Every structure is written in structure tokens, then in C-alpha cells.
Amino acid sequence: MKIRGYKNLFVLAFLSLSCIQAADAITPVNSPSQLSQEVATLRKQGSKGLQRFLKTHANQLNDPQVRTALDALCQQRDCYASRLYWYTDLAQAKAAAQASGKPILSLRLLGKLDQDLSCANSRFFRVALYPNAEISEMLQDRFILHWESVRPAPKVTIDFGDGRKLERTITGNSIHYILDSSGRPIDAIPGLYGPKAFLKQLQQAEIAAKEYSRLASANRNGFLQKYHSDRLQAIETQWRADLSKLGIQSPPRRTASVNPSQPVTAEIAAPIAVSKMAVERPLLRSIQPSSDRDNLIRITNEDAWSRIAQLYNVEAQLDDNSVALIKAKTKQNNLSRLVQNFEAAMAVDTVRNEYMLHSQIHQWFAEGNQTDNVALLNEKVYAQLFLTPSSDPWLGLAPNDAYSAIDNDGLR
């Protein structure tokens, strides 16, 4: 009996130990309320709070509830892929920059960075740029990140009547500003660039921001004017070299073709961002059909820009992290073709944004033309470069010279 009793005790002890080990092997999933409280606490700790969350939940990052909490902590959708902490209050970002000695990368966008349906370019940033291993490391280590919504992103839902719906955003653009710790603009990166090109822009701007911060106040404006004048000259030199290399006799337009007496429409603004245009053009064609002449100009321009972009294809290649995120976000089977098309569109965006938009921004800085205040500069960018001025509440989607046969032209 004693031997049998000892055996029973041994079996019970073994079973108890096995249950404990099994329980330890299953990582408990926090409840939404627990995660919400944790996020509220860690959010106040900045990037250190993000690192604590990532360490605590290292084995749970595939759990949807944990990912939702992580996005709330980072204030960026798909933060599990980028692991970047964003301030949404510029004053807090400036305080962090002053404490760390780092410049600020301030994103302005339509919609919100932590929402799925923010403007198209900001979504592309979340896929092509922020998860990129080199870019993510640089942003974590050498910048204070901040974003601010310029206005809500217009959304379009097409109901097919059988339970299927197609949701898209339409029009809008995004821009990254490099600011010093006081919030003074040092440079700006307009629209979408390929990952390697974006990294180069960050590196150049960081060097300029650090040199600027070391100067006496009296010398700072002169430094910025010379820096941007030099950058503008470098762009012009590269532009001529590209045209010569390709033998292009009739170069594409480098400014938007807009009649000052006519209101800007979404159809005119859309081609400024090529990757975004690929998604939005089918919708815009149905809203604002183009004339044959407009189509001819567009095709001619696109062909020339595509040839120039091929010189820079390597700068638009996605890394494995970005490809994995694209794969996770799409149900399409032709992933390879999807990635190739996206990279090709990014390459065009890269050269167009550098030669058309960034060159104009460099010129504004070189002239000291409303560039010392980020809010005023942003108004100028959205009005004159992105062609979506704040004075137009309908973002060019409700032209006043086109009859719709709808009461009040459908404006609600």
C-alpha cells in the first residue's frame, strides 16, 4: 500500500508539473481593457514605452488585439512592421527633439496615419518606407517623428448591390518636413520617393539640420539659402544629364499645367502623384472625364517620365520587410507582378517629385519665400504644388462649370 501510495503521489506530482509547464508554454493574451490601460501608460513614455511593449508582447505580435494596441501606442497603422513611435503633438515633439538633440521628421497628410483609409501616399509610406529595415533603423535612431492631419481624406464607396463594396480614398498628397528642435523647417520631402532615394533625402537633410543647429542665429538664414541654392543647382545639373543620356529632345513638363483663371480640379491634381494616380484614375475618369488633348499631353509626359525613371529603378526597390507587408495586406495571387508595378510607379514618383516639386521647394528656401514657418509653408505646398488648396473644401471634386442634374449638385 505504501509503495502504491508513493507511486500515486509521484504520478500526481508529474501531472501537476506537466500542467504548469503547459500553462507557461501558452502566452496569455491580454484583454482589450488591459491592453488599453497599458497603452495609455506606455504612450506617455515615448519611444521607450514602445520598446517595453514590444519586449513584453514579443510572442504575441500576430494577435489582432495586440496589433491594434500597438497601433494605438505608435499612432501608426501596421506598426508591428515599422516599430516607429510618432508624436501627434508638435510641442511634445519639439520638447523631445530639444532633449535628444535630434531633428524632427514631421509628416503632413490627409486623414490620420493610424487609420487604414488615410490618403494614398501615406498608406504607401507605411508599406514602402517605414517598414524598410534601413529607413526604420534611421528613423528610430536619428529622428523624432511627428505627424499632423491637414484635413480628412475624401473616401469613395462603390456598392455593387450584391454585398460587395469597394472602398477607396481619392485625391490628396503627403509631405515630410525636416524641422529643427524649435520647429523651423530645414527641408521638405514632397510625396512618395523610392526607399533608397528617401534614405538619401533623410541623410542629406539630417546633415543640414545638424550644421544649422551649430551655427549662430545670425548665420542660419544665409546657411539655409546657400544649402538650398546648391541643392537646386545639383538637381538642374542632374536633370540635364538625364535628358542627355536618354537623348530626350522634348522633355516632359516640370510644372503643373494650370490656367490661373480656371479652378483646379482633382483630375489636374491627380497626376502629381503617380503611384496614387494608378489607384484613383479609374474613379476620377468617371467623375471628371478628360479631353482628348489632355489625354495626349498626359501620355506624352508619362512616356518621357517613365524613361527617366528607369535610370533610377534601383532606388525604388522594396526590401523583404515591405514585400512581406504587401503580401499580408493583399488577397491577389500575382504578388510578383504587383510589386514590380508598384516599384515602377514609385520610380516615376521619385524623379517627378525631385525634379518638379522638390526643386520648387529648394527655390522657395533659397529666396527665403515663406519657409521659416511650417504651417505657412505647408499651406503654400498644398495650394501651389499639390493643387489642393485649403480654400477649396471639395478638393477639386465639385467643379462649378459641370452640370450634374442632381439637387444642389450633390453637395451635402
Protein backbone atom coordinates (compact mmCIF):
# COMPACT_ATOMS: atom_id res chain seq x y z
CA MET A 1 0.00 0.00 0.00
CA LYS A 2 2.82 2.43 0.84
CA ILE A 3 4.57 1.72 -2.42
CA ARG A 4 1.31 2.23 -4.32
CA GLY A 5 0.72 5.49 -2.39
CA TYR A 6 4.16 6.77 -3.26
CA LYS A 7 3.51 5.90 -6.91
CA ASN A 8 0.22 7.81 -6.84
CA LEU A 9 1.92 10.81 -5.29
CA PHE A 10 4.63 10.68 -7.95
CA VAL A 11 2.02 10.50 -10.73
CA LEU A 12 0.10 13.46 -9.26
CA ALA A 13 3.27 15.48 -8.92
CA PHE A 14 4.28 14.67 -12.50
CA LEU A 15 0.85 15.64 -13.81
CA SER A 16 0.87 18.89 -11.82
CA LEU A 17 4.31 19.78 -13.17
CA SER A 18 3.19 18.98 -16.71
CA CYS A 19 0.16 21.24 -16.33
CA ILE A 20 2.33 24.10 -15.03
CA GLN A 21 4.76 23.71 -17.94
CA ALA A 22 1.89 23.59 -20.42
CA ALA A 23 0.40 26.75 -18.92
CA ASP A 24 3.78 28.50 -19.16
CA ALA A 25 4.09 27.47 -22.82
CA ILE A 26 0.85 29.32 -23.69
CA THR A 27 1.37 33.05 -23.53
CA PRO A 28 -1.74 34.65 -22.05
CA VAL A 29 -3.50 37.14 -24.31
CA ASN A 30 -4.36 40.37 -22.57
CA SER A 31 -7.93 41.63 -22.58
CA PRO A 32 -8.70 44.79 -24.60
CA SER A 33 -9.14 46.79 -21.39
CA GLN A 34 -5.76 45.64 -20.04
CA LEU A 35 -4.06 46.47 -23.33
CA SER A 36 -5.78 49.87 -23.42
CA GLN A 37 -4.53 50.71 -19.94
CA GLU A 38 -1.04 49.52 -20.84
CA VAL A 39 -1.02 51.67 -23.99
CA ALA A 40 -2.18 54.75 -22.06
CA THR A 41 0.70 54.30 -19.62
CA LEU A 42 3.42 53.48 -22.15
CA ARG A 43 2.34 56.17 -24.62
CA LYS A 44 3.48 58.80 -22.11
CA GLN A 45 6.96 57.24 -22.07
CA GLY A 46 7.60 57.88 -25.76
CA SER A 47 9.80 55.51 -27.75
CA LYS A 48 10.97 53.83 -24.53
CA GLY A 49 7.38 52.86 -23.83
CA LEU A 50 7.14 51.36 -27.31
CA GLN A 51 10.24 49.26 -26.71
CA ARG A 52 8.81 48.00 -23.41
CA PHE A 53 5.57 46.99 -25.14
CA LEU A 54 7.46 45.18 -27.92
CA LYS A 55 9.56 43.31 -25.36
CA THR A 56 6.57 42.34 -23.22
CA HIS A 57 4.49 41.14 -26.17
CA ALA A 58 7.29 39.77 -28.35
CA ASN A 59 5.47 36.43 -28.77
CA GLN A 60 2.04 37.99 -29.36
CA LEU A 61 2.59 40.34 -32.28
CA ASN A 62 0.48 38.14 -34.58
CA ASP A 63 -2.53 38.60 -32.31
CA PRO A 64 -5.01 41.13 -33.79
CA GLN A 65 -5.79 42.69 -30.40
CA VAL A 66 -2.10 43.20 -29.63
CA ARG A 67 -1.54 44.74 -33.08
CA THR A 68 -4.45 47.12 -32.55
CA ALA A 69 -3.00 48.16 -29.19
CA LEU A 70 0.44 48.58 -30.77
CA ASP A 71 -1.00 50.85 -33.47
CA ALA A 72 -2.60 52.99 -30.76
CA LEU A 73 0.70 53.18 -28.91
CA CYS A 74 2.69 54.11 -32.04
CA GLN A 75 -0.12 56.19 -33.59
CA GLN A 76 0.63 54.43 -36.88
CA ARG A 77 -1.22 51.61 -38.60
CA ASP A 78 0.81 48.42 -39.17
CA CYS A 79 3.30 49.50 -36.53
CA TYR A 80 4.32 45.89 -35.99
CA ALA A 81 6.17 46.17 -39.31
CA SER A 82 7.86 49.55 -38.75
CA ARG A 83 8.12 49.78 -34.92
CA LEU A 84 8.14 53.58 -35.07
CA TYR A 85 6.81 55.90 -32.38
CA TRP A 86 5.02 59.02 -33.65
CA TYR A 87 4.11 62.17 -31.75
CA THR A 88 0.84 63.83 -32.75
CA ASP A 89 1.51 66.98 -30.73
CA LEU A 90 4.20 69.23 -32.25
CA ALA A 91 5.02 70.84 -28.91
CA GLN A 92 5.79 67.40 -27.43
CA ALA A 93 7.88 66.52 -30.49
CA LYS A 94 9.88 69.74 -30.11
CA ALA A 95 10.48 69.01 -26.42
CA ALA A 96 11.73 65.51 -27.33
CA ALA A 97 13.96 66.97 -30.06
CA GLN A 98 15.45 69.50 -27.66
CA ALA A 99 16.14 66.79 -25.09
CA SER A 100 17.70 64.38 -27.61
CA GLY A 101 19.45 66.78 -29.98
CA LYS A 102 17.69 65.11 -32.94
CA PRO A 103 15.84 66.85 -35.77
CA ILE A 104 12.10 66.30 -36.26
CA LEU A 105 10.60 64.47 -39.23
CA SER A 106 7.10 65.93 -39.43
CA LEU A 107 4.60 64.27 -41.79
CA ARG A 108 1.58 66.19 -43.09
CA LEU A 109 -1.15 64.06 -44.65
CA LEU A 110 -4.85 63.80 -45.40
CA GLY A 111 -6.58 61.63 -42.84
CA LYS A 112 -4.72 60.02 -39.96
CA LEU A 113 -1.63 57.81 -40.03
CA ASP A 114 -3.17 55.26 -37.65
CA GLN A 115 -6.21 54.72 -39.90
CA ASP A 116 -6.42 52.31 -42.81
CA LEU A 117 -8.03 54.85 -45.15
CA SER A 118 -5.62 57.74 -44.81
CA CYS A 119 -4.58 59.32 -48.13
CA ALA A 120 -2.93 57.00 -50.64
CA ASN A 121 0.62 58.33 -50.36
CA SER A 122 0.64 58.00 -46.57
CA ARG A 123 -0.51 54.39 -47.00
CA PHE A 124 2.37 53.82 -49.41
CA PHE A 125 4.77 55.32 -46.83
CA ARG A 126 3.54 52.72 -44.33
CA VAL A 127 4.26 49.91 -46.78
CA ALA A 128 7.31 51.00 -48.79
CA LEU A 129 9.23 53.33 -46.47
CA TYR A 130 8.57 52.92 -42.75
CA PRO A 131 8.97 49.08 -42.62
CA ASN A 132 12.14 49.23 -44.75
CA ALA A 133 14.92 47.93 -42.48
CA GLU A 134 17.40 50.75 -43.20
CA ILE A 135 14.82 53.51 -43.06
CA SER A 136 13.19 52.19 -39.88
CA GLU A 137 16.56 51.99 -38.14
CA MET A 138 17.49 55.52 -39.18
CA LEU A 139 14.14 56.98 -38.13
CA GLN A 140 14.28 55.24 -34.76
CA ASP A 141 17.84 56.30 -34.01
CA ARG A 142 18.22 59.74 -35.58
CA PHE A 143 14.85 61.50 -35.78
CA ILE A 144 11.91 62.50 -33.63
CA LEU A 145 8.76 61.54 -35.55
CA HIS A 146 5.58 63.61 -35.72
CA TRP A 147 2.50 63.63 -37.91
CA GLU A 148 -0.38 66.03 -38.34
CA SER A 149 -3.55 65.72 -40.39
CA VAL A 150 -4.11 68.57 -42.85
CA ARG A 151 -7.75 67.61 -43.42
CA PRO A 152 -9.79 64.38 -43.63
CA ALA A 153 -9.12 62.12 -46.61
CA PRO A 154 -12.09 62.01 -49.04
CA LYS A 155 -13.47 58.47 -49.25
CA VAL A 156 -15.44 56.80 -52.03
CA THR A 157 -17.50 53.64 -51.54
CA ILE A 158 -18.89 51.80 -54.57
CA ASP A 159 -21.73 49.47 -53.61
CA PHE A 160 -22.20 46.71 -56.22
CA GLY A 161 -25.60 45.82 -54.77
CA ASP A 162 -24.80 42.18 -54.04
CA GLY A 163 -22.99 42.59 -50.73
CA ARG A 164 -19.69 43.62 -52.31
CA LYS A 165 -18.28 47.10 -51.72
CA LEU A 166 -15.14 48.80 -52.98
CA GLU A 167 -13.64 51.43 -50.65
CA ARG A 168 -11.04 53.94 -51.78
CA THR A 169 -9.69 57.34 -50.83
CA ILE A 170 -9.47 59.92 -53.58
CA THR A 171 -7.19 62.95 -54.15
CA GLY A 172 -4.72 64.37 -51.63
CA ASN A 173 -0.97 64.15 -51.11
CA SER A 174 1.56 63.97 -48.27
CA ILE A 175 4.89 65.59 -47.40
CA HIS A 176 7.67 65.07 -44.83
CA TYR A 177 9.21 68.20 -43.29
CA ILE A 178 12.59 68.16 -41.58
CA LEU A 179 12.42 70.59 -38.67
CA ASP A 180 14.94 71.74 -36.09
CA SER A 181 14.11 71.41 -32.40
CA SER A 182 12.28 74.77 -32.45
CA GLY A 183 10.07 73.63 -35.36
CA ARG A 184 11.84 75.70 -38.02
CA PRO A 185 11.74 73.97 -41.46
CA ILE A 186 15.15 72.89 -42.75
CA ASP A 187 13.98 70.93 -45.80
CA ALA A 188 10.95 69.06 -47.12
CA ILE A 189 10.48 65.78 -49.00
CA PRO A 190 7.29 66.05 -51.09
CA GLY A 191 5.26 62.97 -51.94
CA LEU A 192 6.43 59.39 -52.39
CA TYR A 193 10.09 58.50 -53.04
CA GLY A 194 11.57 55.04 -53.53
CA PRO A 195 13.17 53.62 -50.35
CA LYS A 196 16.82 54.23 -51.31
CA ALA A 197 16.01 57.70 -52.65
CA PHE A 198 14.08 58.54 -49.47
CA LEU A 199 17.00 57.36 -47.36
CA LYS A 200 19.34 59.68 -49.28
CA GLN A 201 16.98 62.59 -48.72
CA LEU A 202 16.89 61.87 -44.99
CA GLN A 203 20.67 61.68 -44.78
CA GLN A 204 21.16 64.98 -46.61
CA ALA A 205 18.53 66.75 -44.55
CA GLU A 206 19.89 65.40 -41.26
CA ILE A 207 23.37 66.74 -42.06
CA ALA A 208 21.89 70.13 -42.95
CA ALA A 209 19.82 70.22 -39.76
CA LYS A 210 22.83 69.45 -37.58
CA GLU A 211 25.03 72.05 -39.31
CA TYR A 212 22.21 74.58 -38.99
CA SER A 213 21.85 73.94 -35.23
CA ARG A 214 25.56 74.55 -34.62
CA LEU A 215 25.52 78.00 -36.23
CA ALA A 216 24.98 81.33 -34.53
CA SER A 217 21.46 82.70 -35.10
CA ALA A 218 22.77 85.47 -37.35
CA ASN A 219 24.27 82.94 -39.79
CA ARG A 220 21.42 80.47 -40.05
CA ASN A 221 19.29 82.05 -42.76
CA GLY A 222 22.32 82.50 -45.00
CA PHE A 223 23.29 78.87 -44.48
CA LEU A 224 19.83 77.62 -45.47
CA GLN A 225 19.69 79.83 -48.55
CA LYS A 226 23.07 78.56 -49.74
CA TYR A 227 22.23 74.93 -48.91
CA HIS A 228 19.02 75.05 -50.96
CA SER A 229 20.62 77.03 -53.76
CA ASP A 230 23.31 74.33 -54.02
CA ARG A 231 20.69 71.56 -53.95
CA LEU A 232 18.68 73.32 -56.67
CA GLN A 233 21.78 73.60 -58.85
CA ALA A 234 22.56 69.92 -58.31
CA ILE A 235 19.04 68.98 -59.40
CA GLU A 236 19.29 71.10 -62.54
CA THR A 237 22.66 69.54 -63.42
CA GLN A 238 21.29 66.03 -62.93
CA TRP A 239 18.19 66.86 -64.98
CA ARG A 240 20.29 67.94 -67.97
CA ALA A 241 22.49 64.85 -67.60
CA ASP A 242 19.44 62.54 -67.61
CA LEU A 243 17.96 64.15 -70.70
CA SER A 244 21.30 63.96 -72.49
CA LYS A 245 21.84 60.32 -71.54
CA LEU A 246 18.42 59.34 -72.90
CA GLY A 247 18.55 61.64 -75.92
CA ILE A 248 15.24 63.27 -74.96
CA GLN A 249 14.75 66.33 -77.16
CA SER A 250 11.28 67.24 -75.87
CA PRO A 251 11.46 66.94 -72.08
CA PRO A 252 8.30 66.45 -70.02
CA ARG A 253 6.74 69.37 -68.22
CA ARG A 254 8.17 70.12 -64.80
CA THR A 255 5.28 72.27 -63.59
CA ALA A 256 1.57 71.59 -63.41
CA SER A 257 -0.28 72.88 -66.45
CA VAL A 258 -2.88 75.08 -64.78
CA ASN A 259 -4.75 78.07 -66.15
CA PRO A 260 -4.82 80.62 -63.29
CA SER A 261 -8.30 81.75 -64.35
CA GLN A 262 -9.68 78.21 -64.03
CA PRO A 263 -10.29 76.33 -60.76
CA VAL A 264 -8.03 73.37 -60.09
CA THR A 265 -9.80 70.02 -60.40
CA ALA A 266 -8.94 66.64 -58.89
CA GLU A 267 -8.20 65.39 -62.42
CA ILE A 268 -5.47 68.03 -62.77
CA ALA A 269 -4.06 67.41 -59.29
CA ALA A 270 -4.07 63.60 -59.53
CA PRO A 271 -1.09 63.12 -61.93
CA ILE A 272 1.22 64.87 -59.47
CA ALA A 273 1.46 61.58 -57.55
CA VAL A 274 1.86 58.67 -59.97
CA SER A 275 1.54 55.74 -57.55
CA LYS A 276 -1.59 57.29 -56.08
CA MET A 277 -2.94 58.09 -59.54
CA ALA A 278 -2.80 54.41 -60.51
CA VAL A 279 -5.39 53.71 -57.82
CA GLU A 280 -7.51 56.83 -58.23
CA ARG A 281 -7.60 57.36 -62.02
CA PRO A 282 -10.49 54.91 -62.73
CA LEU A 283 -12.65 56.79 -60.21
CA LEU A 284 -11.59 60.24 -61.40
CA ARG A 285 -12.28 59.36 -65.05
CA SER A 286 -15.88 58.59 -64.14
CA ILE A 287 -16.22 61.85 -62.20
CA GLN A 288 -14.28 64.24 -64.46
CA PRO A 289 -13.61 62.85 -67.95
CA SER A 290 -10.51 64.28 -69.65
CA SER A 291 -10.46 65.81 -73.12
CA ASP A 292 -8.58 64.14 -75.99
CA ARG A 293 -5.98 66.91 -75.84
CA ASP A 294 -5.44 66.40 -72.10
CA ASN A 295 -5.01 62.66 -72.67
CA LEU A 296 -2.46 63.24 -75.44
CA ILE A 297 -0.39 65.57 -73.23
CA ARG A 298 -0.62 63.10 -70.36
CA ILE A 299 0.53 60.13 -72.45
CA THR A 300 3.45 62.10 -73.91
CA ASN A 301 4.54 63.26 -70.49
CA GLU A 302 4.17 59.84 -68.90
CA ASP A 303 6.31 58.19 -71.58
CA ALA A 304 9.16 60.65 -71.03
CA TRP A 305 8.94 60.42 -67.25
CA SER A 306 8.94 56.62 -67.42
CA ARG A 307 12.15 56.64 -69.46
CA ILE A 308 13.83 58.95 -66.95
CA ALA A 309 12.57 56.84 -64.04
CA GLN A 310 14.22 53.73 -65.49
CA LEU A 311 17.58 55.33 -64.69
CA TYR A 312 16.63 55.16 -61.03
CA ASN A 313 14.81 51.83 -60.76
CA VAL A 314 17.23 50.58 -58.11
CA GLU A 315 16.20 53.42 -55.80
CA ALA A 316 12.60 52.19 -55.82
CA GLN A 317 13.19 48.53 -54.98
CA LEU A 318 11.31 47.22 -51.96
CA ASP A 319 13.07 45.21 -49.27
CA ASP A 320 11.83 41.90 -47.83
CA ASN A 321 10.02 43.58 -44.93
CA SER A 322 7.92 45.71 -47.26
CA VAL A 323 7.16 42.81 -49.62
CA ALA A 324 6.04 40.72 -46.64
CA LEU A 325 3.69 43.50 -45.53
CA ILE A 326 2.24 43.84 -49.03
CA LYS A 327 1.68 40.09 -49.10
CA ALA A 328 -0.12 40.24 -45.76
CA LYS A 329 -2.39 43.07 -46.94
CA THR A 330 -3.49 41.73 -50.33
CA LYS A 331 -5.52 38.74 -51.48
CA GLN A 332 -4.16 38.86 -55.01
CA ASN A 333 -2.12 35.89 -56.21
CA ASN A 334 0.17 37.76 -58.62
CA LEU A 335 2.36 39.22 -55.87
CA SER A 336 5.49 39.46 -58.02
CA ARG A 337 3.73 41.46 -60.74
CA LEU A 338 2.02 43.62 -58.13
CA VAL A 339 5.37 44.50 -56.54
CA GLN A 340 7.01 45.20 -59.90
CA ASN A 341 4.22 47.56 -60.96
CA PHE A 342 4.36 49.36 -57.62
CA GLU A 343 8.14 49.74 -57.82
CA ALA A 344 7.86 51.11 -61.38
CA ALA A 345 5.28 53.68 -60.28
CA MET A 346 7.45 54.64 -57.30
CA ALA A 347 10.43 55.19 -59.57
CA VAL A 348 8.37 57.65 -61.64
CA ASP A 349 7.13 59.33 -58.47
CA THR A 350 10.71 59.65 -57.26
CA VAL A 351 12.01 61.54 -60.29
CA ARG A 352 8.88 63.65 -60.71
CA ASN A 353 8.82 64.67 -57.06
CA GLU A 354 12.52 65.53 -57.08
CA TYR A 355 12.59 67.38 -60.41
CA MET A 356 9.18 69.06 -60.19
CA LEU A 357 8.26 69.57 -56.54
CA HIS A 358 11.45 69.42 -54.51
CA SER A 359 13.20 71.79 -56.91
CA GLN A 360 10.44 74.35 -56.34
CA ILE A 361 10.75 73.94 -52.57
CA HIS A 362 14.52 74.45 -52.81
CA GLN A 363 13.87 77.64 -54.77
CA TRP A 364 11.46 78.93 -52.10
CA PHE A 365 14.08 78.30 -49.41
CA ALA A 366 16.84 79.92 -51.49
CA GLU A 367 14.63 83.00 -51.89
CA GLY A 368 13.50 82.98 -48.25
CA ASN A 369 9.94 82.78 -49.54
CA GLN A 370 7.65 81.86 -46.61
CA THR A 371 9.83 78.97 -45.45
CA ASP A 372 10.54 79.84 -41.81
CA ASN A 373 7.11 78.75 -40.54
CA VAL A 374 6.00 75.18 -41.18
CA ALA A 375 2.27 75.99 -41.10
CA LEU A 376 2.62 78.75 -43.73
CA LEU A 377 4.97 76.63 -45.82
CA ASN A 378 2.53 73.73 -45.71
CA GLU A 379 -0.32 75.97 -46.89
CA LYS A 380 1.88 77.02 -49.80
CA VAL A 381 2.82 73.43 -50.66
CA TYR A 382 -0.76 72.17 -50.70
CA ALA A 383 -2.02 75.16 -52.69
CA GLN A 384 0.74 75.58 -55.28
CA LEU A 385 2.44 72.17 -55.54
CA PHE A 386 -0.22 69.61 -54.61
CA LEU A 387 -3.02 71.77 -56.12
CA THR A 388 -5.38 71.04 -53.24
CA PRO A 389 -5.67 74.43 -51.51
CA SER A 390 -7.43 74.76 -48.18
CA SER A 391 -9.65 77.41 -49.82
CA ASP A 392 -11.39 74.62 -51.78
CA PRO A 393 -13.41 72.50 -49.34
CA TRP A 394 -14.22 69.98 -52.11
CA LEU A 395 -10.61 69.36 -53.22
CA GLY A 396 -11.41 69.89 -56.90
CA LEU A 397 -14.06 67.16 -56.91
CA ALA A 398 -17.01 69.55 -57.37
CA PRO A 399 -16.20 71.80 -60.38
CA ASN A 400 -18.60 74.71 -60.71
CA ASP A 401 -18.75 74.56 -64.52
CA ALA A 402 -20.04 70.98 -64.89
CA TYR A 403 -23.77 70.17 -64.68
CA SER A 404 -24.69 67.08 -62.63
CA ALA A 405 -28.55 67.10 -62.75
CA ILE A 406 -28.54 66.41 -59.00
CA ASP A 407 -30.19 68.71 -56.48
CA ASN A 408 -27.64 71.20 -55.18
CA ASP A 409 -25.07 69.40 -57.37
CA GLY A 410 -24.95 66.58 -54.80
CA LEU A 411 -23.30 68.79 -52.18
CA ARG A 412 -24.44 67.88 -48.69
